[in-house]
Every structure is written in C-alpha cells, then in structure tokens.
C-alpha atoms as a PDB file:
ATOM      1  CA  UNK A   1      37.226 144.405 106.120  1.00  0.00           C
ATOM      2  CA  UNK A   2      41.086 144.127 106.826  1.00  0.00           C
ATOM      3  CA  UNK A   3      43.224 142.977 104.192  1.00  0.00           C
ATOM      4  CA  UNK A   4      44.954 139.671 105.701  1.00  0.00           C
ATOM      5  CA  UNK A   5      48.562 139.004 105.375  1.00  0.00           C
ATOM      6  CA  UNK A   6      49.498 136.660 103.063  1.00  0.00           C
ATOM      7  CA  UNK A   7      51.419 133.440 104.618  1.00  0.00           C
ATOM      8  CA  UNK A   8      54.518 133.717 102.259  1.00  0.00           C
ATOM      9  CA  UNK A   9      54.983 137.436 103.376  1.00  0.00           C
ATOM     10  CA  UNK A  10      56.116 136.444 107.045  1.00  0.00           C
ATOM     11  CA  UNK A  11      59.509 137.253 107.993  1.00  0.00           C
ATOM     12  CA  UNK A  12      60.663 133.339 108.452  1.00  0.00           C
ATOM     13  CA  UNK A  13      59.278 132.588 105.024  1.00  0.00           C
ATOM     14  CA  UNK A  14      61.459 135.143 103.203  1.00  0.00           C
ATOM     15  CA  UNK A  15      64.406 134.134 104.854  1.00  0.00           C
ATOM     16  CA  UNK A  16      64.169 130.791 104.423  1.00  0.00           C
ATOM     17  CA  UNK A  17      63.679 130.967 101.187  1.00  0.00           C
ATOM     18  CA  UNK A  18      66.173 133.354 100.331  1.00  0.00           C
ATOM     19  CA  UNK A  19      68.877 130.574 101.589  1.00  0.00           C
ATOM     20  CA  UNK A  20      68.134 127.710  99.771  1.00  0.00           C
ATOM     21  CA  UNK A  21      68.033 125.240 102.916  1.00  0.00           C
ATOM     22  CA  UNK A  22      66.722 125.243 106.447  1.00  0.00           C
ATOM     23  CA  UNK A  23      68.294 126.582 109.168  1.00  0.00           C
ATOM     24  CA  UNK A  24      69.070 123.695 111.401  1.00  0.00           C
ATOM     25  CA  UNK A  25      71.318 122.519 108.091  1.00  0.00           C
ATOM     26  CA  UNK A  26      73.108 125.799 108.121  1.00  0.00           C
ATOM     27  CA  UNK A  27      73.501 125.866 111.940  1.00  0.00           C
ATOM     28  CA  UNK A  28      74.845 122.533 111.556  1.00  0.00           C
ATOM     29  CA  UNK A  29      77.280 123.315 109.081  1.00  0.00           C
ATOM     30  CA  UNK A  30      78.209 126.512 110.196  1.00  0.00           C
ATOM     31  CA  UNK A  31      79.039 124.592 113.798  1.00  0.00           C
ATOM     32  CA  UNK A  32      80.979 121.842 111.674  1.00  0.00           C
ATOM     33  CA  UNK A  33      83.209 125.001 110.060  1.00  0.00           C
ATOM     34  CA  UNK A  34      84.349 126.611 113.275  1.00  0.00           C
ATOM     35  CA  UNK A  35      84.837 123.407 115.108  1.00  0.00           C
ATOM     36  CA  UNK A  36      87.286 122.368 112.467  1.00  0.00           C
ATOM     37  CA  UNK A  37      89.187 125.571 112.313  1.00  0.00           C
ATOM     38  CA  UNK A  38      89.391 125.589 116.064  1.00  0.00           C
ATOM     39  CA  UNK A  39      90.748 121.936 116.312  1.00  0.00           C
ATOM     40  CA  UNK A  40      93.575 122.829 113.859  1.00  0.00           C
ATOM     41  CA  UNK A  41      94.211 125.969 116.382  1.00  0.00           C
ATOM     42  CA  UNK A  42      94.649 123.496 119.181  1.00  0.00           C
ATOM     43  CA  UNK A  43      98.221 123.062 120.177  1.00  0.00           C
ATOM     44  CA  UNK A  44      97.439 119.081 121.021  1.00  0.00           C
ATOM     45  CA  UNK A  45      98.967 115.990 119.310  1.00  0.00           C
ATOM     46  CA  UNK A  46      96.564 113.749 120.151  1.00  0.00           C
ATOM     47  CA  UNK A  47      94.185 116.185 117.819  1.00  0.00           C
ATOM     48  CA  UNK A  48      96.680 115.517 114.754  1.00  0.00           C
ATOM     49  CA  UNK A  49      94.740 114.319 111.814  1.00  0.00           C
ATOM     50  CA  UNK A  50      90.807 114.906 113.643  1.00  0.00           C
ATOM     51  CA  UNK A  51      88.310 116.262 110.900  1.00  0.00           C
ATOM     52  CA  UNK A  52      85.288 117.169 111.870  1.00  0.00           C
ATOM     53  CA  UNK A  53      82.706 115.742 109.967  1.00  0.00           C
ATOM     54  CA  UNK A  54      79.136 116.938 110.889  1.00  0.00           C
ATOM     55  CA  UNK A  55      77.526 118.242 113.244  1.00  0.00           C
ATOM     56  CA  UNK A  56      73.962 117.579 114.248  1.00  0.00           C
ATOM     57  CA  UNK A  57      72.949 120.497 116.680  1.00  0.00           C
ATOM     58  CA  UNK A  58      69.507 120.382 118.419  1.00  0.00           C
ATOM     59  CA  UNK A  59      66.489 122.555 117.210  1.00  0.00           C
ATOM     60  CA  UNK A  60      66.437 124.483 120.700  1.00  0.00           C
ATOM     61  CA  UNK A  61      70.223 124.960 120.399  1.00  0.00           C
ATOM     62  CA  UNK A  62      70.694 123.586 123.609  1.00  0.00           C
ATOM     63  CA  UNK A  63      72.944 120.552 122.476  1.00  0.00           C
ATOM     64  CA  UNK A  64      75.192 119.179 119.515  1.00  0.00           C
ATOM     65  CA  UNK A  65      76.523 116.035 118.559  1.00  0.00           C
ATOM     66  CA  UNK A  66      79.898 116.592 117.077  1.00  0.00           C
ATOM     67  CA  UNK A  67      80.734 113.567 114.880  1.00  0.00           C
ATOM     68  CA  UNK A  68      84.838 113.090 113.779  1.00  0.00           C
ATOM     69  CA  UNK A  69      86.986 110.882 112.659  1.00  0.00           C
ATOM     70  CA  UNK A  70      90.713 110.023 112.880  1.00  0.00           C
ATOM     71  CA  UNK A  71      93.497 108.363 110.415  1.00  0.00           C
ATOM     72  CA  UNK A  72      95.366 106.123 112.781  1.00  0.00           C
ATOM     73  CA  UNK A  73      92.539 104.587 114.203  1.00  0.00           C
ATOM     74  CA  UNK A  74      93.478 105.974 117.694  1.00  0.00           C
ATOM     75  CA  UNK A  75      89.661 107.485 118.177  1.00  0.00           C
ATOM     76  CA  UNK A  76      89.555 106.872 121.824  1.00  0.00           C
ATOM     77  CA  UNK A  77      92.436 108.860 122.369  1.00  0.00           C
ATOM     78  CA  UNK A  78      91.316 112.185 119.829  1.00  0.00           C
ATOM     79  CA  UNK A  79      87.872 111.772 122.048  1.00  0.00           C
ATOM     80  CA  UNK A  80      89.388 112.130 125.238  1.00  0.00           C
ATOM     81  CA  UNK A  81      91.227 114.965 123.936  1.00  0.00           C
ATOM     82  CA  UNK A  82      88.340 116.990 122.287  1.00  0.00           C
ATOM     83  CA  UNK A  83      86.348 116.123 125.551  1.00  0.00           C
ATOM     84  CA  UNK A  84      89.220 118.283 127.463  1.00  0.00           C
ATOM     85  CA  UNK A  85      88.982 120.955 125.212  1.00  0.00           C
ATOM     86  CA  UNK A  86      85.150 120.980 124.938  1.00  0.00           C
ATOM     87  CA  UNK A  87      84.844 124.362 126.490  1.00  0.00           C
ATOM     88  CA  UNK A  88      87.110 126.144 124.806  1.00  0.00           C
ATOM     89  CA  UNK A  89      85.430 124.658 121.428  1.00  0.00           C
ATOM     90  CA  UNK A  90      82.134 125.842 122.535  1.00  0.00           C
ATOM     91  CA  UNK A  91      83.988 129.312 123.498  1.00  0.00           C
ATOM     92  CA  UNK A  92      84.796 129.736 119.892  1.00  0.00           C
ATOM     93  CA  UNK A  93      81.003 128.857 118.352  1.00  0.00           C
ATOM     94  CA  UNK A  94      79.709 131.014 121.049  1.00  0.00           C
ATOM     95  CA  UNK A  95      82.049 134.294 119.823  1.00  0.00           C
ATOM     96  CA  UNK A  96      81.612 133.593 115.904  1.00  0.00           C
ATOM     97  CA  UNK A  97      78.326 131.862 115.307  1.00  0.00           C
ATOM     98  CA  UNK A  98      75.358 134.359 115.696  1.00  0.00           C
ATOM     99  CA  UNK A  99      72.900 132.151 117.491  1.00  0.00           C
ATOM    100  CA  UNK A 100      69.999 132.382 121.076  1.00  0.00           C
ATOM    101  CA  UNK A 101      72.482 129.701 122.886  1.00  0.00           C
ATOM    102  CA  UNK A 102      75.789 127.819 122.595  1.00  0.00           C
ATOM    103  CA  UNK A 103      75.430 124.223 122.308  1.00  0.00           C
ATOM    104  CA  UNK A 104      76.744 121.930 124.613  1.00  0.00           C
ATOM    105  CA  UNK A 105      79.157 119.486 122.671  1.00  0.00           C
ATOM    106  CA  UNK A 106      79.457 116.087 122.674  1.00  0.00           C
ATOM    107  CA  UNK A 107      81.752 113.595 120.300  1.00  0.00           C
ATOM    108  CA  UNK A 108      81.620 110.824 118.959  1.00  0.00           C
ATOM    109  CA  UNK A 109      83.655 108.931 116.367  1.00  0.00           C
ATOM    110  CA  UNK A 110      82.017 108.769 113.184  1.00  0.00           C
ATOM    111  CA  UNK A 111      81.937 105.332 111.982  1.00  0.00           C
ATOM    112  CA  UNK A 112      81.268 106.294 108.383  1.00  0.00           C
ATOM    113  CA  UNK A 113      85.409 106.579 107.890  1.00  0.00           C
ATOM    114  CA  UNK A 114      86.097 103.003 109.471  1.00  0.00           C
ATOM    115  CA  UNK A 115      83.321 101.373 107.199  1.00  0.00           C
ATOM    116  CA  UNK A 116      85.034 102.964 103.998  1.00  0.00           C
ATOM    117  CA  UNK A 117      87.975 101.913 105.043  1.00  0.00           C
ATOM    118  CA  UNK A 118      86.891  98.649 105.396  1.00  0.00           C
ATOM    119  CA  UNK A 119      85.089  98.542 102.417  1.00  0.00           C
ATOM    120  CA  UNK A 120      88.633 100.114 100.333  1.00  0.00           C
ATOM    121  CA  UNK A 121      90.695  97.157 102.229  1.00  0.00           C
ATOM    122  CA  UNK A 122      88.031  94.316 100.821  1.00  0.00           C
ATOM    123  CA  UNK A 123      88.295  96.034  97.189  1.00  0.00           C
ATOM    124  CA  UNK A 124      91.716  95.890  97.022  1.00  0.00           C
ATOM    125  CA  UNK A 125      91.782  91.995  97.980  1.00  0.00           C
ATOM    126  CA  UNK A 126      89.402  91.046  95.556  1.00  0.00           C
ATOM    127  CA  UNK A 127      90.787  89.500  92.713  1.00  0.00           C
ATOM    128  CA  UNK A 128      90.766  91.319  89.275  1.00  0.00           C
ATOM    129  CA  UNK A 129      87.244  90.880  87.076  1.00  0.00           C
ATOM    130  CA  UNK A 130      88.268  89.268  83.717  1.00  0.00           C
ATOM    131  CA  UNK A 131      86.594  91.276  81.064  1.00  0.00           C
ATOM    132  CA  UNK A 132      86.297  89.529  77.535  1.00  0.00           C
ATOM    133  CA  UNK A 133      87.872  91.064  75.085  1.00  0.00           C
ATOM    134  CA  UNK A 134      86.227  93.813  72.983  1.00  0.00           C
ATOM    135  CA  UNK A 135      84.726  92.523  69.679  1.00  0.00           C
ATOM    136  CA  UNK A 136      85.416  94.187  66.183  1.00  0.00           C
ATOM    137  CA  UNK A 137      81.555  95.056  66.036  1.00  0.00           C
ATOM    138  CA  UNK A 138      81.259  97.437  68.803  1.00  0.00           C
END
C-alpha cells in the first residue's frame, strides 16, 4: 500500500508557517512599503506630506486599494496627483515585488486619520477633569 503524504508536508503549509502570517498580509505590507518609498521620490509638491497608510491587494492580484492620508486637509489634490502617477507607482511594484501580476491601483483617502484628528480636537476642547486630592492612607 503506498504511503500517503500528510497535509502539513505540502509546499504551501511549510512556507506559510515559516513566515508567521498569511500571504495576503505580506503582499499588502510589501506593496505599502514600495509605494511609500516611491511617493517620496516623486517630485510633485501636491504629494508633500502624503502618507500611504495601508494597501489592500485582491487575492487574485488584479486590483489594489491604496489608502493614504495627508497633513493639511488637501486630500483631493493629493488623490489627483496619485492618480496621475499611477502608472509609475504600478511600475515600481512590478520591478520590486515578485508577483504573478502587478495590481491596478486605486486611491482612497484614509478616513481614520481624519477621525483621529477630530477626537484629538474634542479632547483639547474638553474641560480638565478635577481629581480629588490623594488621601494619606493610600
């Protein structure tokens, strides 16, 4: 009777376990790093202070959603600039990442940064909380 291979001896299981987290997360992070570096290299003042916060690549590698934030509240201008430089950014991913396909990039403003700024402004406006003086007992 022929011996059966165990499921854990497959090629995919060994490489996935060795890395510690799923392939999708690795691809997302790799693309985020590549795009962040490339955005810094682009000589376009509309992209000053732009931060690539995260990238979500589809499992089939055809599309990727790039979320970004910009200090100064001019996200629409930055989105237009990113769209103009989309081909260059995709080419950077194609050169630096070993992927079967280079995903088509879409850009979206990351609302998390705006929400964080709003929370910080509300906290600054809130009256200070008075604490009772400490008692000598502890």
